[in-house]
PDB file of N, CA and C in Angstrom:
ATOM      1  N   MET A   1     116.201  89.651 106.045  1.00  0.00           N
ATOM      2  CA  MET A   1     115.972  89.456 107.637  1.00  0.00           C
ATOM      3  C   MET A   1     116.900  90.424 108.329  1.00  0.00           C
ATOM      4  N   LEU A   2     117.834  91.370 107.881  1.00  0.00           N
ATOM      5  CA  LEU A   2     119.039  91.670 108.635  1.00  0.00           C
ATOM      6  C   LEU A   2     117.813  92.856 109.185  1.00  0.00           C
ATOM      7  N   ASN A   3     117.199  93.269 108.666  1.00  0.00           N
ATOM      8  CA  ASN A   3     115.673  94.575 108.879  1.00  0.00           C
ATOM      9  C   ASN A   3     114.724  94.426 109.646  1.00  0.00           C
ATOM     10  N   THR A   4     115.244  93.239 110.740  1.00  0.00           N
ATOM     11  CA  THR A   4     114.319  92.904 111.694  1.00  0.00           C
ATOM     12  C   THR A   4     114.248  93.992 113.009  1.00  0.00           C
ATOM     13  N   LYS A   5     113.096  94.602 112.968  1.00  0.00           N
ATOM     14  CA  LYS A   5     112.928  95.380 114.661  1.00  0.00           C
ATOM     15  C   LYS A   5     111.052  94.779 115.295  1.00  0.00           C
ATOM     16  N   TYR A   6     111.419  95.198 116.386  1.00  0.00           N
ATOM     17  CA  TYR A   6     110.312  94.897 116.814  1.00  0.00           C
ATOM     18  C   TYR A   6     110.188  96.041 117.628  1.00  0.00           C
ATOM     19  N   THR A   7     109.018  97.065 117.444  1.00  0.00           N
ATOM     20  CA  THR A   7     108.605  98.041 118.216  1.00  0.00           C
ATOM     21  C   THR A   7     107.709  98.123 119.231  1.00  0.00           C
ATOM     22  N   ILE A   8     107.207  98.584 119.794  1.00  0.00           N
ATOM     23  CA  ILE A   8     105.901  98.676 121.305  1.00  0.00           C
ATOM     24  C   ILE A   8     105.658  99.931 120.433  1.00  0.00           C
ATOM     25  N   ASN A   9     104.336 100.738 120.366  1.00  0.00           N
ATOM     26  CA  ASN A   9     103.445 101.518 119.782  1.00  0.00           C
ATOM     27  C   ASN A   9     102.344 101.656 120.903  1.00  0.00           C
ATOM     28  N   ASN A  10     102.445 102.430 121.681  1.00  0.00           N
ATOM     29  CA  ASN A  10     101.047 102.914 122.401  1.00  0.00           C
ATOM     30  C   ASN A  10     100.584 101.399 123.011  1.00  0.00           C
ATOM     31  N   ASP A  11      99.703 100.272 122.708  1.00  0.00           N
ATOM     32  CA  ASP A  11      99.151  99.006 123.142  1.00  0.00           C
ATOM     33  C   ASP A  11      99.479  97.942 121.753  1.00  0.00           C
ATOM     34  N   ALA A  12     100.106  98.549 120.883  1.00  0.00           N
ATOM     35  CA  ALA A  12     100.698  97.473 120.078  1.00  0.00           C
ATOM     36  C   ALA A  12     101.907  97.237 120.091  1.00  0.00           C
ATOM     37  N   LEU A  13     102.535  95.905 119.768  1.00  0.00           N
ATOM     38  CA  LEU A  13     103.393  95.288 119.246  1.00  0.00           C
ATOM     39  C   LEU A  13     103.839  94.817 117.537  1.00  0.00           C
ATOM     40  N   ILE A  14     104.562  95.928 117.584  1.00  0.00           N
ATOM     41  CA  ILE A  14     104.953  95.668 115.733  1.00  0.00           C
ATOM     42  C   ILE A  14     106.529  95.070 115.725  1.00  0.00           C
ATOM     43  N   ILE A  15     105.903  93.724 114.490  1.00  0.00           N
ATOM     44  CA  ILE A  15     107.122  92.949 114.013  1.00  0.00           C
ATOM     45  C   ILE A  15     107.545  93.239 113.008  1.00  0.00           C
ATOM     46  N   LYS A  16     108.837  93.502 112.599  1.00  0.00           N
ATOM     47  CA  LYS A  16     108.618  94.273 110.664  1.00  0.00           C
ATOM     48  C   LYS A  16     110.497  93.348 110.865  1.00  0.00           C
ATOM     49  N   SER A  17     110.376  92.218 109.896  1.00  0.00           N
ATOM     50  CA  SER A  17     111.148  92.096 109.038  1.00  0.00           C
ATOM     51  C   SER A  17     111.474  91.784 107.703  1.00  0.00           C
ATOM     52  N   GLY A  18     112.133  91.884 107.151  1.00  0.00           N
ATOM     53  CA  GLY A  18     112.670  92.083 105.701  1.00  0.00           C
ATOM     54  C   GLY A  18     111.587  92.962 105.344  1.00  0.00           C
ATOM     55  N   LEU A  19     111.371  92.688 103.690  1.00  0.00           N
ATOM     56  CA  LEU A  19     110.151  93.619 103.024  1.00  0.00           C
ATOM     57  C   LEU A  19     108.715  92.674 102.902  1.00  0.00           C
ATOM     58  N   ILE A  20     108.562  91.854 103.545  1.00  0.00           N
ATOM     59  CA  ILE A  20     107.745  90.918 103.744  1.00  0.00           C
ATOM     60  C   ILE A  20     106.661  91.136 105.241  1.00  0.00           C
ATOM     61  N   ILE A  21     107.598  90.321 106.362  1.00  0.00           N
ATOM     62  CA  ILE A  21     106.888  90.048 107.240  1.00  0.00           C
ATOM     63  C   ILE A  21     106.754  91.708 107.970  1.00  0.00           C
ATOM     64  N   LYS A  22     105.489  91.381 108.161  1.00  0.00           N
ATOM     65  CA  LYS A  22     104.768  92.976 109.357  1.00  0.00           C
ATOM     66  C   LYS A  22     103.937  91.803 110.031  1.00  0.00           C
ATOM     67  N   ILE A  23     103.918  92.283 111.388  1.00  0.00           N
ATOM     68  CA  ILE A  23     102.816  91.355 112.185  1.00  0.00           C
ATOM     69  C   ILE A  23     102.750  92.629 113.210  1.00  0.00           C
ATOM     70  N   ASP A  24     101.065  93.001 113.512  1.00  0.00           N
ATOM     71  CA  ASP A  24     100.754  93.524 114.719  1.00  0.00           C
ATOM     72  C   ASP A  24     100.012  93.036 115.845  1.00  0.00           C
ATOM     73  N   ILE A  25     100.741  93.174 117.097  1.00  0.00           N
ATOM     74  CA  ILE A  25     100.006  92.196 118.352  1.00  0.00           C
ATOM     75  C   ILE A  25      99.438  93.067 119.078  1.00  0.00           C
ATOM     76  N   ASP A  26      98.207  92.944 119.571  1.00  0.00           N
ATOM     77  CA  ASP A  26      97.207  94.005 120.754  1.00  0.00           C
ATOM     78  C   ASP A  26      98.104  93.590 121.758  1.00  0.00           C
ATOM     79  N   ILE A  27      99.208  94.449 122.328  1.00  0.00           N
ATOM     80  CA  ILE A  27      99.081  93.773 123.652  1.00  0.00           C
ATOM     81  C   ILE A  27      98.650  93.219 124.445  1.00  0.00           C
ATOM     82  N   LYS A  28      97.501  94.177 124.143  1.00  0.00           N
ATOM     83  CA  LYS A  28      96.356  93.280 125.941  1.00  0.00           C
ATOM     84  C   LYS A  28      96.008  91.793 125.397  1.00  0.00           C
ATOM     85  N   LYS A  29      96.109  91.486 124.185  1.00  0.00           N
ATOM     86  CA  LYS A  29      95.687  90.186 123.769  1.00  0.00           C
ATOM     87  C   LYS A  29      96.901  89.078 124.772  1.00  0.00           C
ATOM     88  N   ILE A  30      97.727  89.648 124.648  1.00  0.00           N
ATOM     89  CA  ILE A  30      99.178  88.373 124.693  1.00  0.00           C
ATOM     90  C   ILE A  30      99.048  87.926 125.861  1.00  0.00           C
ATOM     91  N   LYS A  31      99.008  86.322 125.982  1.00  0.00           N
ATOM     92  CA  LYS A  31      98.787  85.687 126.966  1.00  0.00           C
ATOM     93  C   LYS A  31     100.100  85.277 127.952  1.00  0.00           C
ATOM     94  N   LYS A  32     101.245  84.667 127.055  1.00  0.00           N
ATOM     95  CA  LYS A  32     102.053  84.151 127.935  1.00  0.00           C
ATOM     96  C   LYS A  32     103.071  84.458 126.680  1.00  0.00           C
ATOM     97  N   VAL A  33     104.752  84.073 127.762  1.00  0.00           N
ATOM     98  CA  VAL A  33     105.689  84.273 127.109  1.00  0.00           C
ATOM     99  C   VAL A  33     106.722  83.584 127.290  1.00  0.00           C
ATOM    100  N   ILE A  34     106.844  82.315 126.823  1.00  0.00           N
ATOM    101  CA  ILE A  34     108.020  81.372 126.898  1.00  0.00           C
ATOM    102  C   ILE A  34     109.434  81.519 126.228  1.00  0.00           C
ATOM    103  N   PRO A  35     110.688  80.366 126.720  1.00  0.00           N
ATOM    104  CA  PRO A  35     111.585  80.784 125.982  1.00  0.00           C
ATOM    105  C   PRO A  35     111.605  79.896 124.647  1.00  0.00           C
ATOM    106  N   ASN A  36     112.548  79.533 123.959  1.00  0.00           N
ATOM    107  CA  ASN A  36     112.030  78.933 122.647  1.00  0.00           C
ATOM    108  C   ASN A  36     113.229  79.111 121.641  1.00  0.00           C
ATOM    109  N   ASN A  37     113.966  77.758 121.106  1.00  0.00           N
ATOM    110  CA  ASN A  37     115.183  77.736 120.967  1.00  0.00           C
ATOM    111  C   ASN A  37     114.995  76.852 119.236  1.00  0.00           C
ATOM    112  N   THR A  38     113.563  76.937 119.084  1.00  0.00           N
ATOM    113  CA  THR A  38     113.384  76.433 117.593  1.00  0.00           C
ATOM    114  C   THR A  38     114.119  77.195 116.478  1.00  0.00           C
ATOM    115  N   ILE A  39     114.498  75.987 115.621  1.00  0.00           N
ATOM    116  CA  ILE A  39     115.083  76.428 114.106  1.00  0.00           C
ATOM    117  C   ILE A  39     114.168  76.835 113.105  1.00  0.00           C
ATOM    118  N   TRP A  40     112.773  76.610 113.538  1.00  0.00           N
ATOM    119  CA  TRP A  40     112.419  76.913 112.256  1.00  0.00           C
ATOM    120  C   TRP A  40     112.272  78.666 112.115  1.00  0.00           C
ATOM    121  N   SER A  41     111.979  78.904 111.187  1.00  0.00           N
ATOM    122  CA  SER A  41     112.019  80.181 110.631  1.00  0.00           C
ATOM    123  C   SER A  41     111.413  81.302 111.070  1.00  0.00           C
ATOM    124  N   ALA A  42     111.477  82.361 111.735  1.00  0.00           N
ATOM    125  CA  ALA A  42     111.082  83.028 112.239  1.00  0.00           C
ATOM    126  C   ALA A  42     111.530  84.645 112.398  1.00  0.00           C
ATOM    127  N   PRO A  43     110.886  85.655 112.427  1.00  0.00           N
ATOM    128  CA  PRO A  43     111.315  87.017 112.479  1.00  0.00           C
ATOM    129  C   PRO A  43     112.381  87.246 113.407  1.00  0.00           C
ATOM    130  N   ALA A  44     113.361  86.143 113.766  1.00  0.00           N
ATOM    131  CA  ALA A  44     114.231  86.057 114.535  1.00  0.00           C
ATOM    132  C   ALA A  44     115.469  86.321 113.989  1.00  0.00           C
ATOM    133  N   LEU A  45     116.485  86.872 114.411  1.00  0.00           N
ATOM    134  CA  LEU A  45     117.718  87.113 114.516  1.00  0.00           C
ATOM    135  C   LEU A  45     118.359  85.847 115.109  1.00  0.00           C
ATOM    136  N   SER A  46     118.717  85.639 115.943  1.00  0.00           N
ATOM    137  CA  SER A  46     119.665  84.680 116.938  1.00  0.00           C
ATOM    138  C   SER A  46     118.418  83.590 117.106  1.00  0.00           C
ATOM    139  N   SER A  47     119.204  82.350 117.558  1.00  0.00           N
ATOM    140  CA  SER A  47     118.422  81.160 117.958  1.00  0.00           C
ATOM    141  C   SER A  47     118.062  81.293 119.637  1.00  0.00           C
ATOM    142  N   ASP A  48     118.454  82.377 119.999  1.00  0.00           N
ATOM    143  CA  ASP A  48     118.189  82.726 121.448  1.00  0.00           C
ATOM    144  C   ASP A  48     116.446  83.363 121.318  1.00  0.00           C
ATOM    145  N   ARG A  49     115.530  82.241 121.723  1.00  0.00           N
ATOM    146  CA  ARG A  49     114.659  83.226 121.391  1.00  0.00           C
ATOM    147  C   ARG A  49     113.310  83.320 122.219  1.00  0.00           C
ATOM    148  N   ILE A  50     112.371  84.183 122.100  1.00  0.00           N
ATOM    149  CA  ILE A  50     110.968  83.888 122.661  1.00  0.00           C
ATOM    150  C   ILE A  50     109.542  83.554 121.770  1.00  0.00           C
ATOM    151  N   GLU A  51     108.831  83.025 122.585  1.00  0.00           N
ATOM    152  CA  GLU A  51     107.330  82.812 121.718  1.00  0.00           C
ATOM    153  C   GLU A  51     106.578  83.477 123.027  1.00  0.00           C
ATOM    154  N   ILE A  52     105.736  84.063 122.014  1.00  0.00           N
ATOM    155  CA  ILE A  52     104.692  84.931 122.419  1.00  0.00           C
ATOM    156  C   ILE A  52     103.279  84.524 122.051  1.00  0.00           C
ATOM    157  N   PHE A  53     102.628  83.954 122.517  1.00  0.00           N
ATOM    158  CA  PHE A  53     101.678  83.936 122.333  1.00  0.00           C
ATOM    159  C   PHE A  53     100.393  84.957 122.676  1.00  0.00           C
ATOM    160  N   TYR A  54      99.240  84.879 121.413  1.00  0.00           N
ATOM    161  CA  TYR A  54      98.284  85.933 121.780  1.00  0.00           C
ATOM    162  C   TYR A  54      96.954  85.350 121.252  1.00  0.00           C
ATOM    163  N   ASN A  55      95.962  86.334 121.973  1.00  0.00           N
ATOM    164  CA  ASN A  55      94.598  85.882 120.843  1.00  0.00           C
ATOM    165  C   ASN A  55      94.721  84.551 121.224  1.00  0.00           C
ATOM    166  N   THR A  56      93.487  83.552 120.245  1.00  0.00           N
ATOM    167  CA  THR A  56      93.068  82.442 121.113  1.00  0.00           C
ATOM    168  C   THR A  56      94.012  80.911 120.390  1.00  0.00           C
ATOM    169  N   TYR A  57      94.406  80.903 119.740  1.00  0.00           N
ATOM    170  CA  TYR A  57      96.263  80.449 119.222  1.00  0.00           C
ATOM    171  C   TYR A  57      97.081  80.966 118.061  1.00  0.00           C
ATOM    172  N   ASP A  58      97.144  82.041 118.218  1.00  0.00           N
ATOM    173  CA  ASP A  58      98.552  82.441 117.723  1.00  0.00           C
ATOM    174  C   ASP A  58      99.623  82.438 118.574  1.00  0.00           C
ATOM    175  N   SER A  59     100.822  82.566 117.888  1.00  0.00           N
ATOM    176  CA  SER A  59     101.895  82.652 118.559  1.00  0.00           C
ATOM    177  C   SER A  59     102.982  82.781 117.212  1.00  0.00           C
ATOM    178  N   VAL A  60     104.543  83.549 117.930  1.00  0.00           N
ATOM    179  CA  VAL A  60     105.033  84.396 117.378  1.00  0.00           C
ATOM    180  C   VAL A  60     106.598  84.067 117.841  1.00  0.00           C
ATOM    181  N   VAL A  61     107.777  83.851 117.220  1.00  0.00           N
ATOM    182  CA  VAL A  61     108.868  83.979 117.565  1.00  0.00           C
ATOM    183  C   VAL A  61     109.683  84.695 117.296  1.00  0.00           C
ATOM    184  N   ILE A  62     110.442  85.539 118.416  1.00  0.00           N
ATOM    185  CA  ILE A  62     111.260  86.342 118.030  1.00  0.00           C
ATOM    186  C   ILE A  62     112.236  86.985 119.037  1.00  0.00           C
ATOM    187  N   SER A  63     113.255  87.450 118.774  1.00  0.00           N
ATOM    188  CA  SER A  63     114.960  87.744 119.563  1.00  0.00           C
ATOM    189  C   SER A  63     115.124  89.048 119.697  1.00  0.00           C
ATOM    190  N   PRO A  64     114.554  89.562 120.699  1.00  0.00           N
ATOM    191  CA  PRO A  64     114.739  90.937 121.197  1.00  0.00           C
ATOM    192  C   PRO A  64     116.254  90.294 121.756  1.00  0.00           C
ATOM    193  N   LYS A  65     117.166  91.579 121.663  1.00  0.00           N
ATOM    194  CA  LYS A  65     118.539  91.857 122.458  1.00  0.00           C
ATOM    195  C   LYS A  65     118.202  91.628 124.119  1.00  0.00           C
ATOM    196  N   ASN A  66     117.456  92.109 124.502  1.00  0.00           N
ATOM    197  CA  ASN A  66     117.610  92.007 126.138  1.00  0.00           C
ATOM    198  C   ASN A  66     115.787  91.719 126.266  1.00  0.00           C
ATOM    199  N   LYS A  67     115.725  90.380 126.257  1.00  0.00           N
ATOM    200  CA  LYS A  67     114.425  89.469 126.195  1.00  0.00           C
ATOM    201  C   LYS A  67     113.786  89.898 127.675  1.00  0.00           C
ATOM    202  N   LYS A  68     114.289  90.336 128.810  1.00  0.00           N
ATOM    203  CA  LYS A  68     114.074  90.386 130.144  1.00  0.00           C
ATOM    204  C   LYS A  68     113.471  91.943 130.176  1.00  0.00           C
ATOM    205  N   GLU A  69     114.202  92.720 129.555  1.00  0.00           N
ATOM    206  CA  GLU A  69     113.608  93.756 129.785  1.00  0.00           C
ATOM    207  C   GLU A  69     112.444  93.991 128.823  1.00  0.00           C
ATOM    208  N   PHE A  70     112.803  93.817 127.798  1.00  0.00           N
ATOM    209  CA  PHE A  70     111.526  93.464 126.296  1.00  0.00           C
ATOM    210  C   PHE A  70     109.962  93.143 127.611  1.00  0.00           C
ATOM    211  N   ILE A  71     110.275  91.850 127.683  1.00  0.00           N
ATOM    212  CA  ILE A  71     109.117  91.525 128.311  1.00  0.00           C
ATOM    213  C   ILE A  71     108.441  92.383 129.392  1.00  0.00           C
ATOM    214  N   GLU A  72     109.266  93.051 130.657  1.00  0.00           N
ATOM    215  CA  GLU A  72     108.622  94.036 131.400  1.00  0.00           C
ATOM    216  C   GLU A  72     108.000  95.366 130.671  1.00  0.00           C
ATOM    217  N   MET A  73     108.543  95.341 129.923  1.00  0.00           N
ATOM    218  CA  MET A  73     107.891  96.831 128.690  1.00  0.00           C
ATOM    219  C   MET A  73     106.252  96.572 128.298  1.00  0.00           C
ATOM    220  N   LEU A  74     106.390  94.536 127.717  1.00  0.00           N
ATOM    221  CA  LEU A  74     105.341  94.444 127.564  1.00  0.00           C
ATOM    222  C   LEU A  74     103.841  94.202 128.629  1.00  0.00           C
ATOM    223  N   LYS A  75     104.478  93.917 129.794  1.00  0.00           N
ATOM    224  CA  LYS A  75     103.934  93.578 130.893  1.00  0.00           C
ATOM    225  C   LYS A  75     103.646  95.224 131.410  1.00  0.00           C
ATOM    226  N   GLN A  76     104.391  96.023 131.318  1.00  0.00           N
ATOM    227  CA  GLN A  76     103.594  97.289 131.784  1.00  0.00           C
ATOM    228  C   GLN A  76     102.907  97.651 131.322  1.00  0.00           C
ATOM    229  N   ILE A  77     102.099  97.129 129.731  1.00  0.00           N
ATOM    230  CA  ILE A  77     100.670  97.515 129.555  1.00  0.00           C
ATOM    231  C   ILE A  77     100.251  96.724 129.864  1.00  0.00           C
ATOM    232  N   ASN A  78     100.539  95.479 129.857  1.00  0.00           N
ATOM    233  CA  ASN A  78      99.315  94.325 130.136  1.00  0.00           C
ATOM    234  C   ASN A  78     100.373  93.461 131.426  1.00  0.00           C
ATOM    235  N   PRO A  79      99.571  93.590 132.765  1.00  0.00           N
ATOM    236  CA  PRO A  79     100.601  93.009 134.126  1.00  0.00           C
ATOM    237  C   PRO A  79     100.462  91.392 133.738  1.00  0.00           C
ATOM    238  N   ALA A  80      99.444  90.526 133.141  1.00  0.00           N
ATOM    239  CA  ALA A  80      98.620  89.627 133.132  1.00  0.00           C
ATOM    240  C   ALA A  80      99.363  88.706 132.448  1.00  0.00           C
ATOM    241  N   ILE A  81     100.284  89.099 131.951  1.00  0.00           N
ATOM    242  CA  ILE A  81     101.093  88.628 131.068  1.00  0.00           C
ATOM    243  C   ILE A  81     102.111  87.495 131.491  1.00  0.00           C
ATOM    244  N   VAL A  82     101.811  85.890 131.367  1.00  0.00           N
ATOM    245  CA  VAL A  82     102.294  85.268 132.120  1.00  0.00           C
ATOM    246  C   VAL A  82     103.598  84.762 131.384  1.00  0.00           C
ATOM    247  N   SER A  83     105.035  85.048 132.465  1.00  0.00           N
ATOM    248  CA  SER A  83     106.117  84.834 131.347  1.00  0.00           C
ATOM    249  C   SER A  83     107.312  83.901 132.448  1.00  0.00           C
ATOM    250  N   GLU A  84     107.776  83.060 131.545  1.00  0.00           N
ATOM    251  CA  GLU A  84     108.932  81.492 132.031  1.00  0.00           C
ATOM    252  C   GLU A  84     109.597  82.310 131.780  1.00  0.00           C
ATOM    253  N   VAL A  85     110.127  83.171 131.388  1.00  0.00           N
ATOM    254  CA  VAL A  85     111.799  83.776 130.745  1.00  0.00           C
ATOM    255  C   VAL A  85     112.622  84.015 132.315  1.00  0.00           C
TER     256      VAL A  85
END
């Protein structure tokens, strides 16, 4: 889990965690971002997390270092993202 990173590449959010987890999300399909302090396993190194909802029923929990700045970067690509953070 120490190799967890989140990359924005063109219109994609790429989440990599360890050797197994790699998730590519089309930023234009992100609908909402909310705070999340769940203890469930996720590609997140902190308990201060955000949950990203995308597609119809998909979501992922992550913990970028600067949540507000990270969300603003996403919103530059998709201004329709609703943020509760």
